[in-house]
Structure formats: structure tokens, C-alpha cells
Amino acid sequence: MNQRDRQRLEHMLRHCRDVSDFIDRFGADYNVFIQDRAYYNAVAMCVMQVGELANGLSEEFREATKDQMPWGMIRGMRNWLAHSYTEIDDKVLWETAKNDLPKVFAFCEKQLSR
């Protein structure tokens, strides 16, 4: 892994940790999530940033780890959040935050510990 990829993974890890902290702070309740705009927007921004950072990973790194991370889906989520404004499915965003970001977090930790 090159230094640029390492830095991007460190930032991805931080955004995943932030989402985990938001869930701890505000609660793991979908109804609270969709009603509290600060909570919702904070999570959405972090998810979008993870996708943006994933997009900047080297092609070599993404190719070498494609069996461990669905890079296309991660980057697609970023594009959906950035460009679909009124069409965002709140449940998909919530499920991504609750179920998918912990996997990204674990992947980043593992890669960075090497």
C-alpha cells in the first residue's frame, strides 16, 4: 500500500468511527435518525466522505482488495448522496451506517495494522 492509500484509509477510518460515535450519542433508533436533521446530516456527510475517499484510492489497491470491499458500491453510495438530493432512501442510508460502515471500519483497521 502506498502512502496516499494509507492516508485515505486513515481518513475513512475516522469517518466510520464518527458515525459509530453519532449512533452511540443519538441512539440506534431509526426514527430518531430520520427526525433529527443534525444526526441525519452528520451521518450522510460521513458516508459520502467514505465514498469520496474510496474513489481516490489507487486502482492497484482497489484491485488487490476487491474481494474484501465492494469498492464500486461504496463509490456509488457517495454519488447517490451527492447527486440524488430528494431521492435519498433514508432506510438505505441508515442500513449503510449501521451495517456496512462497521465492515469498512474493520477493513481499514486491518489494512492499517499491516
N, C-alpha and C. Protein backbone atom coordinates (compact mmCIF):
# COMPACT_ATOMS: atom_id res chain seq x y z
N MET A 1 0.85 -1.17 0.00
CA MET A 1 0.00 0.00 0.00
C MET A 1 0.90 1.24 0.00
N ASN A 2 0.55 2.19 -0.86
CA ASN A 2 1.35 3.40 -0.89
C ASN A 2 0.89 4.39 0.19
N GLN A 3 1.66 5.44 0.39
CA GLN A 3 1.37 6.40 1.46
C GLN A 3 0.04 7.10 1.25
N ARG A 4 -0.28 7.42 0.01
CA ARG A 4 -1.55 8.10 -0.28
C ARG A 4 -2.74 7.21 0.09
N ASP A 5 -2.67 5.93 -0.25
CA ASP A 5 -3.73 4.98 0.12
C ASP A 5 -3.83 4.88 1.64
N ARG A 6 -2.70 4.82 2.31
CA ARG A 6 -2.68 4.74 3.77
C ARG A 6 -3.39 5.95 4.38
N GLN A 7 -3.10 7.12 3.88
CA GLN A 7 -3.74 8.34 4.40
C GLN A 7 -5.24 8.32 4.17
N ARG A 8 -5.65 7.87 3.01
CA ARG A 8 -7.08 7.80 2.71
C ARG A 8 -7.77 6.80 3.63
N LEU A 9 -7.14 5.66 3.88
CA LEU A 9 -7.72 4.68 4.79
C LEU A 9 -7.82 5.24 6.21
N GLU A 10 -6.84 6.01 6.63
CA GLU A 10 -6.90 6.63 7.95
C GLU A 10 -8.09 7.58 8.05
N HIS A 11 -8.33 8.34 7.00
CA HIS A 11 -9.47 9.26 6.99
C HIS A 11 -10.80 8.49 6.93
N MET A 12 -10.83 7.42 6.16
CA MET A 12 -12.03 6.59 6.10
C MET A 12 -12.34 6.01 7.47
N LEU A 13 -11.31 5.54 8.16
CA LEU A 13 -11.46 5.01 9.50
C LEU A 13 -12.05 6.05 10.43
N ARG A 14 -11.55 7.28 10.34
CA ARG A 14 -12.06 8.36 11.19
C ARG A 14 -13.54 8.63 10.92
N HIS A 15 -13.95 8.65 9.66
CA HIS A 15 -15.36 8.90 9.34
C HIS A 15 -16.24 7.74 9.82
N CYS A 16 -15.76 6.52 9.69
CA CYS A 16 -16.51 5.38 10.21
C CYS A 16 -16.64 5.46 11.73
N ARG A 17 -15.57 5.84 12.39
CA ARG A 17 -15.60 6.00 13.84
C ARG A 17 -16.57 7.11 14.24
N ASP A 18 -16.58 8.20 13.47
CA ASP A 18 -17.52 9.29 13.74
C ASP A 18 -18.96 8.80 13.69
N VAL A 19 -19.30 8.02 12.67
CA VAL A 19 -20.67 7.50 12.56
C VAL A 19 -21.00 6.61 13.75
N SER A 20 -20.07 5.78 14.14
CA SER A 20 -20.27 4.93 15.32
C SER A 20 -20.51 5.80 16.56
N ASP A 21 -19.74 6.86 16.69
CA ASP A 21 -19.92 7.78 17.83
C ASP A 21 -21.26 8.48 17.77
N PHE A 22 -21.71 8.87 16.57
CA PHE A 22 -23.02 9.51 16.43
C PHE A 22 -24.13 8.55 16.87
N ILE A 23 -24.01 7.30 16.46
CA ILE A 23 -25.02 6.31 16.84
C ILE A 23 -25.02 6.11 18.35
N ASP A 24 -23.84 6.07 18.95
CA ASP A 24 -23.76 5.97 20.41
C ASP A 24 -24.39 7.18 21.08
N ARG A 25 -24.12 8.34 20.53
CA ARG A 25 -24.61 9.60 21.13
C ARG A 25 -26.12 9.79 20.98
N PHE A 26 -26.61 9.59 19.75
CA PHE A 26 -28.02 9.87 19.47
C PHE A 26 -28.92 8.66 19.62
N GLY A 27 -28.34 7.47 19.60
CA GLY A 27 -29.11 6.25 19.74
C GLY A 27 -29.25 5.51 18.42
N ALA A 28 -29.42 4.22 18.54
CA ALA A 28 -29.54 3.36 17.36
C ALA A 28 -31.01 3.19 16.99
N ASP A 29 -31.73 4.28 16.94
CA ASP A 29 -33.16 4.27 16.66
C ASP A 29 -33.40 4.97 15.32
N TYR A 30 -33.92 4.23 14.37
CA TYR A 30 -34.16 4.77 13.03
C TYR A 30 -35.06 6.01 13.07
N ASN A 31 -36.08 6.00 13.92
CA ASN A 31 -37.00 7.14 13.99
C ASN A 31 -36.30 8.41 14.49
N VAL A 32 -35.39 8.26 15.43
CA VAL A 32 -34.61 9.41 15.89
C VAL A 32 -33.72 9.90 14.75
N PHE A 33 -33.12 8.95 14.05
CA PHE A 33 -32.25 9.27 12.92
C PHE A 33 -32.96 10.13 11.88
N ILE A 34 -34.15 9.73 11.47
CA ILE A 34 -34.83 10.48 10.41
C ILE A 34 -35.47 11.77 10.91
N GLN A 35 -35.68 11.90 12.21
CA GLN A 35 -36.29 13.11 12.74
C GLN A 35 -35.27 14.17 13.15
N ASP A 36 -34.07 13.75 13.51
CA ASP A 36 -33.04 14.70 13.96
C ASP A 36 -32.14 15.03 12.77
N ARG A 37 -32.34 16.20 12.19
CA ARG A 37 -31.61 16.58 10.98
C ARG A 37 -30.11 16.67 11.21
N ALA A 38 -29.68 17.08 12.39
CA ALA A 38 -28.25 17.14 12.67
C ALA A 38 -27.64 15.73 12.62
N TYR A 39 -28.31 14.79 13.24
CA TYR A 39 -27.88 13.39 13.25
C TYR A 39 -27.84 12.86 11.82
N TYR A 40 -28.93 13.03 11.11
CA TYR A 40 -29.06 12.55 9.74
C TYR A 40 -27.97 13.13 8.84
N ASN A 41 -27.81 14.43 8.89
CA ASN A 41 -26.84 15.09 8.02
C ASN A 41 -25.41 14.73 8.37
N ALA A 42 -25.13 14.56 9.66
CA ALA A 42 -23.78 14.17 10.08
C ALA A 42 -23.44 12.78 9.53
N VAL A 43 -24.38 11.86 9.64
CA VAL A 43 -24.16 10.51 9.11
C VAL A 43 -24.02 10.54 7.60
N ALA A 44 -24.91 11.26 6.93
CA ALA A 44 -24.86 11.33 5.46
C ALA A 44 -23.52 11.89 4.99
N MET A 45 -23.04 12.93 5.65
CA MET A 45 -21.77 13.53 5.23
C MET A 45 -20.62 12.55 5.42
N CYS A 46 -20.61 11.82 6.51
CA CYS A 46 -19.53 10.85 6.74
C CYS A 46 -19.58 9.72 5.71
N VAL A 47 -20.78 9.23 5.42
CA VAL A 47 -20.91 8.16 4.42
C VAL A 47 -20.42 8.68 3.06
N MET A 48 -20.79 9.90 2.74
CA MET A 48 -20.36 10.49 1.48
C MET A 48 -18.83 10.63 1.44
N GLN A 49 -18.25 11.04 2.55
CA GLN A 49 -16.80 11.20 2.60
C GLN A 49 -16.08 9.87 2.45
N VAL A 50 -16.62 8.82 3.04
CA VAL A 50 -16.01 7.49 2.88
C VAL A 50 -15.98 7.13 1.40
N GLY A 51 -17.08 7.37 0.70
CA GLY A 51 -17.12 7.08 -0.73
C GLY A 51 -16.16 7.94 -1.53
N GLU A 52 -16.06 9.19 -1.17
CA GLU A 52 -15.13 10.10 -1.86
C GLU A 52 -13.69 9.64 -1.65
N LEU A 53 -13.36 9.27 -0.44
CA LEU A 53 -12.01 8.78 -0.15
C LEU A 53 -11.73 7.45 -0.87
N ALA A 54 -12.72 6.58 -0.90
CA ALA A 54 -12.55 5.30 -1.60
C ALA A 54 -12.28 5.54 -3.08
N ASN A 55 -12.93 6.54 -3.63
CA ASN A 55 -12.73 6.87 -5.04
C ASN A 55 -11.28 7.29 -5.32
N GLY A 56 -10.62 7.85 -4.32
CA GLY A 56 -9.25 8.31 -4.50
C GLY A 56 -8.19 7.28 -4.21
N LEU A 57 -8.60 6.10 -3.77
CA LEU A 57 -7.63 5.02 -3.56
C LEU A 57 -7.05 4.62 -4.92
N SER A 58 -5.82 4.18 -4.91
CA SER A 58 -5.19 3.78 -6.17
C SER A 58 -5.94 2.59 -6.77
N GLU A 59 -5.91 2.56 -8.08
CA GLU A 59 -6.53 1.44 -8.80
C GLU A 59 -5.89 0.12 -8.37
N GLU A 60 -4.59 0.13 -8.14
CA GLU A 60 -3.88 -1.08 -7.71
C GLU A 60 -4.40 -1.58 -6.37
N PHE A 61 -4.62 -0.66 -5.43
CA PHE A 61 -5.11 -1.05 -4.11
C PHE A 61 -6.53 -1.59 -4.22
N ARG A 62 -7.39 -0.88 -4.93
CA ARG A 62 -8.78 -1.33 -5.07
C ARG A 62 -8.83 -2.70 -5.75
N GLU A 63 -8.02 -2.88 -6.75
CA GLU A 63 -8.00 -4.17 -7.46
C GLU A 63 -7.52 -5.29 -6.53
N ALA A 64 -6.48 -5.01 -5.76
CA ALA A 64 -5.91 -6.03 -4.85
C ALA A 64 -6.86 -6.41 -3.72
N THR A 65 -7.79 -5.52 -3.39
CA THR A 65 -8.68 -5.76 -2.24
C THR A 65 -10.15 -5.87 -2.63
N LYS A 66 -10.43 -6.00 -3.91
CA LYS A 66 -11.81 -6.02 -4.37
C LYS A 66 -12.62 -7.20 -3.83
N ASP A 67 -11.97 -8.27 -3.43
CA ASP A 67 -12.68 -9.40 -2.84
C ASP A 67 -13.04 -9.13 -1.37
N GLN A 68 -12.46 -8.08 -0.79
CA GLN A 68 -12.72 -7.74 0.61
C GLN A 68 -13.68 -6.55 0.78
N MET A 69 -13.72 -5.67 -0.20
CA MET A 69 -14.53 -4.46 -0.13
C MET A 69 -15.24 -4.23 -1.46
N PRO A 70 -16.53 -3.92 -1.42
CA PRO A 70 -17.27 -3.63 -2.65
C PRO A 70 -17.05 -2.17 -3.07
N TRP A 71 -15.88 -1.89 -3.63
CA TRP A 71 -15.50 -0.51 -3.92
C TRP A 71 -16.50 0.20 -4.81
N GLY A 72 -17.01 -0.49 -5.80
CA GLY A 72 -17.98 0.13 -6.69
C GLY A 72 -19.23 0.58 -5.96
N MET A 73 -19.71 -0.23 -5.05
CA MET A 73 -20.90 0.12 -4.27
C MET A 73 -20.61 1.29 -3.32
N ILE A 74 -19.42 1.29 -2.73
CA ILE A 74 -19.05 2.37 -1.81
C ILE A 74 -18.97 3.69 -2.58
N ARG A 75 -18.37 3.65 -3.72
CA ARG A 75 -18.26 4.86 -4.54
C ARG A 75 -19.64 5.26 -5.07
N GLY A 76 -20.46 4.27 -5.40
CA GLY A 76 -21.82 4.55 -5.87
C GLY A 76 -22.67 5.22 -4.80
N MET A 77 -22.50 4.81 -3.56
CA MET A 77 -23.24 5.43 -2.45
C MET A 77 -22.88 6.91 -2.36
N ARG A 78 -21.62 7.23 -2.53
CA ARG A 78 -21.19 8.62 -2.50
C ARG A 78 -21.88 9.42 -3.60
N ASN A 79 -21.90 8.86 -4.80
CA ASN A 79 -22.53 9.55 -5.92
C ASN A 79 -24.02 9.73 -5.69
N TRP A 80 -24.65 8.74 -5.15
CA TRP A 80 -26.09 8.80 -4.86
C TRP A 80 -26.37 9.91 -3.86
N LEU A 81 -25.59 9.97 -2.78
CA LEU A 81 -25.79 11.01 -1.78
C LEU A 81 -25.48 12.40 -2.32
N ALA A 82 -24.46 12.50 -3.14
CA ALA A 82 -24.03 13.80 -3.65
C ALA A 82 -24.95 14.35 -4.73
N HIS A 83 -25.64 13.47 -5.46
CA HIS A 83 -26.38 13.94 -6.63
C HIS A 83 -27.87 13.65 -6.62
N SER A 84 -28.35 12.88 -5.67
CA SER A 84 -29.77 12.49 -5.70
C SER A 84 -30.64 13.29 -4.75
N TYR A 85 -30.08 14.23 -4.07
CA TYR A 85 -30.75 15.17 -3.17
C TYR A 85 -32.08 14.67 -2.61
N THR A 86 -33.18 14.80 -3.35
CA THR A 86 -34.51 14.48 -2.82
C THR A 86 -34.87 13.01 -2.96
N GLU A 87 -34.02 12.22 -3.58
CA GLU A 87 -34.34 10.82 -3.82
C GLU A 87 -33.61 9.88 -2.87
N ILE A 88 -32.99 10.40 -1.85
CA ILE A 88 -32.25 9.56 -0.92
C ILE A 88 -33.22 8.71 -0.12
N ASP A 89 -32.97 7.43 -0.09
CA ASP A 89 -33.78 6.50 0.69
C ASP A 89 -33.21 6.46 2.10
N ASP A 90 -33.94 7.02 3.03
CA ASP A 90 -33.46 7.11 4.41
C ASP A 90 -33.11 5.75 5.00
N LYS A 91 -33.87 4.74 4.66
CA LYS A 91 -33.62 3.40 5.20
C LYS A 91 -32.31 2.83 4.68
N VAL A 92 -32.01 3.09 3.42
CA VAL A 92 -30.75 2.60 2.84
C VAL A 92 -29.57 3.30 3.52
N LEU A 93 -29.69 4.60 3.72
CA LEU A 93 -28.62 5.33 4.41
C LEU A 93 -28.44 4.80 5.83
N TRP A 94 -29.53 4.56 6.54
CA TRP A 94 -29.47 4.04 7.91
C TRP A 94 -28.83 2.65 7.94
N GLU A 95 -29.24 1.79 7.04
CA GLU A 95 -28.67 0.44 7.00
C GLU A 95 -27.18 0.48 6.66
N THR A 96 -26.81 1.40 5.79
CA THR A 96 -25.39 1.56 5.46
C THR A 96 -24.60 1.97 6.70
N ALA A 97 -25.13 2.92 7.44
CA ALA A 97 -24.45 3.40 8.65
C ALA A 97 -24.36 2.29 9.70
N LYS A 98 -25.43 1.57 9.89
CA LYS A 98 -25.48 0.55 10.94
C LYS A 98 -24.75 -0.74 10.58
N ASN A 99 -24.86 -1.16 9.32
CA ASN A 99 -24.38 -2.49 8.95
C ASN A 99 -23.13 -2.51 8.08
N ASP A 100 -22.99 -1.52 7.22
CA ASP A 100 -21.88 -1.55 6.26
C ASP A 100 -20.64 -0.81 6.75
N LEU A 101 -20.83 0.34 7.37
CA LEU A 101 -19.66 1.10 7.83
C LEU A 101 -18.82 0.35 8.87
N PRO A 102 -19.43 -0.44 9.76
CA PRO A 102 -18.57 -1.23 10.65
C PRO A 102 -17.64 -2.18 9.90
N LYS A 103 -18.09 -2.68 8.76
CA LYS A 103 -17.24 -3.56 7.94
C LYS A 103 -16.11 -2.76 7.30
N VAL A 104 -16.42 -1.55 6.85
CA VAL A 104 -15.38 -0.69 6.29
C VAL A 104 -14.38 -0.33 7.38
N PHE A 105 -14.88 -0.03 8.57
CA PHE A 105 -14.02 0.28 9.71
C PHE A 105 -13.05 -0.87 9.98
N ALA A 106 -13.58 -2.09 10.07
CA ALA A 106 -12.74 -3.26 10.35
C ALA A 106 -11.72 -3.48 9.24
N PHE A 107 -12.13 -3.29 7.99
CA PHE A 107 -11.20 -3.43 6.87
C PHE A 107 -10.07 -2.43 7.00
N CYS A 108 -10.40 -1.17 7.25
CA CYS A 108 -9.38 -0.13 7.35
C CYS A 108 -8.42 -0.42 8.50
N GLU A 109 -8.96 -0.82 9.64
CA GLU A 109 -8.09 -1.16 10.78
C GLU A 109 -7.12 -2.26 10.42
N LYS A 110 -7.62 -3.29 9.76
CA LYS A 110 -6.79 -4.43 9.39
C LYS A 110 -5.68 -4.00 8.41
N GLN A 111 -6.05 -3.23 7.42
CA GLN A 111 -5.08 -2.78 6.43
C GLN A 111 -4.02 -1.87 7.07
N LEU A 112 -4.45 -1.01 7.95
CA LEU A 112 -3.52 -0.05 8.56
C LEU A 112 -2.60 -0.71 9.59
N SER A 113 -3.00 -1.86 10.10
CA SER A 113 -2.15 -2.55 11.08
C SER A 113 -1.02 -3.32 10.41
N ARG A 114 -1.05 -3.43 9.13
CA ARG A 114 -0.01 -4.16 8.38
C ARG A 114 1.25 -3.36 8.25
